[in-house]
Protein backbone atom coordinates (compact mmCIF):
# COMPACT_ATOMS: atom_id res chain seq x y z
CA MET A 1 101.58 -113.22 3.42
CA ILE A 2 103.37 -116.35 4.59
CA ASN A 3 101.41 -119.45 5.51
CA LEU A 4 102.74 -120.37 8.96
CA LEU A 5 101.12 -123.81 8.71
CA SER A 6 102.89 -124.82 5.52
CA PRO A 7 105.76 -127.34 5.74
CA LYS A 8 109.07 -125.82 6.79
CA ALA A 9 111.52 -125.17 4.01
CA ARG A 10 114.83 -126.92 4.61
CA LEU A 11 117.88 -124.73 4.92
CA ASP A 12 120.80 -125.34 2.63
CA PRO A 13 123.37 -127.02 4.91
CA GLU A 14 126.24 -125.59 2.87
CA ALA A 15 124.92 -122.04 3.37
CA VAL A 16 124.58 -122.64 7.12
CA GLU A 17 128.14 -123.95 7.40
CA ARG A 18 129.50 -121.15 5.22
CA VAL A 19 127.96 -118.43 7.43
CA LYS A 20 128.96 -120.25 10.63
CA ALA A 21 132.57 -120.35 9.40
CA TRP A 22 132.65 -116.56 8.87
CA VAL A 23 131.23 -115.60 12.29
CA PRO A 24 134.21 -116.41 14.59
CA GLU A 25 136.52 -114.24 12.50
CA ALA A 26 134.01 -111.40 12.18
CA LEU A 27 133.23 -111.25 15.91
CA GLN A 28 136.66 -112.37 17.17
CA LEU A 29 135.12 -115.24 19.13
CA PRO A 30 136.96 -117.54 21.50
CA GLU A 31 137.45 -121.11 20.30
CA GLU A 32 134.85 -122.51 22.73
CA ALA A 33 132.02 -120.27 21.45
CA VAL A 34 129.09 -122.04 19.77
CA VAL A 35 127.47 -120.41 16.75
CA THR A 36 124.00 -121.23 15.42
CA VAL A 37 122.48 -119.92 12.21
CA MET A 38 118.76 -120.03 11.48
CA GLU A 39 116.25 -118.49 9.16
CA LEU A 40 113.04 -117.09 10.65
CA ARG A 41 109.83 -116.19 8.90
CA CYS A 42 107.61 -113.31 9.96
CA ALA A 43 103.97 -112.66 9.07
CA GLU A 44 103.76 -109.17 10.56
CA ASP A 45 103.62 -106.11 8.29
CA ASP A 46 106.59 -104.31 9.87
CA CYS A 47 109.21 -107.03 9.41
CA PRO A 48 110.79 -108.74 6.41
CA ASP A 49 109.25 -112.01 5.26
CA VAL A 50 112.49 -113.85 6.08
CA GLU A 51 115.48 -112.93 8.22
CA THR A 52 118.68 -114.74 9.15
CA VAL A 53 119.50 -114.94 12.85
CA ILE A 54 123.01 -115.70 14.09
CA ALA A 55 123.25 -116.65 17.77
CA VAL A 56 126.49 -116.97 19.73
CA PHE A 57 126.64 -118.98 22.96
CA GLY A 58 129.34 -119.83 25.47
CA GLU A 59 131.13 -116.52 25.63
CA PRO A 60 132.05 -115.00 28.95
CA GLY A 61 129.11 -112.89 30.09
CA ALA A 62 126.17 -113.97 27.98
CA SER A 63 124.84 -115.15 24.67
CA ARG A 64 123.96 -112.72 21.93
CA LYS A 65 122.17 -112.68 18.60
CA HIS A 66 122.47 -110.77 15.37
CA LYS A 67 119.80 -110.37 12.71
CA LEU A 68 120.36 -109.95 8.99
CA LEU A 69 117.21 -108.82 7.21
CA LYS A 70 117.56 -111.20 4.29
CA PRO A 71 117.25 -114.92 3.61
CA LEU A 72 120.22 -117.13 4.47
CA SER A 73 120.84 -117.85 0.79
CA GLU A 74 121.55 -114.12 0.23
CA VAL A 75 123.91 -113.59 3.19
CA THR A 76 127.41 -112.68 2.06
CA LYS A 77 130.75 -112.71 3.84
CA SER A 78 130.62 -108.92 3.79
CA ASP A 79 127.28 -108.99 5.69
CA VAL A 80 128.82 -111.17 8.39
CA MET A 81 132.08 -109.22 8.57
CA ASN A 82 130.06 -106.05 9.18
CA LEU A 83 128.37 -107.48 12.28
CA THR A 84 129.43 -105.66 15.42
CA VAL A 85 129.55 -106.53 19.09
CA PRO A 86 126.73 -104.65 20.87
CA LYS A 87 128.04 -101.70 22.88
CA GLN A 88 126.86 -103.11 26.20
CA GLU A 89 129.20 -106.06 25.66
CA LEU A 90 132.14 -103.81 24.88
CA ARG A 91 131.72 -101.54 27.89
CA PRO A 92 130.17 -103.34 30.86
CA CYS A 93 128.58 -101.07 33.42
CA PHE A 94 128.54 -101.81 37.13
CA THR A 95 127.01 -100.04 40.10
CA SER A 96 129.59 -99.04 42.68
CA SER A 97 128.21 -101.13 45.53
CA LEU A 98 126.59 -104.25 44.07
CA ARG A 99 128.83 -104.90 41.06
CA SER A 100 125.74 -105.83 39.10
CA PRO A 101 125.07 -104.70 35.53
CA CYS A 102 123.24 -101.40 35.32
CA ARG A 103 120.96 -99.98 32.70
CA SER A 104 119.34 -96.63 32.10
CA PRO A 105 115.50 -96.48 32.26
CA ARG A 106 115.24 -97.26 28.53
CA GLY A 107 117.58 -100.24 28.69
CA ARG A 108 120.54 -98.27 27.39
CA GLN A 109 123.81 -97.96 29.17
CA PRO A 110 124.55 -94.62 30.76
CA ARG A 111 127.21 -92.51 29.04
CA ARG A 112 130.61 -92.29 30.64
């Protein structure tokens, strides 16, 4: 179990910059997009002790995040290149009258 009150471990700045450099190519981001990389710790039984979270801001539409279930030090270029754009961002759904995003009852987009 992880002690949540222990001092925070410092991330390796080179690892952060390395992963941030791979993300724009992997996700085909516009130049103005902002990428953040962080490592989160979890004390719950059903999650890994450490995961790497990549957040992308400034894209048309909304921000998004991707989780890699491993520490930042173990993230490879292949891991990042295999990230995908969530389907709801690839195929926006609009109601016919309000032009607002729509979702099915479970938060999924309806099939077309």
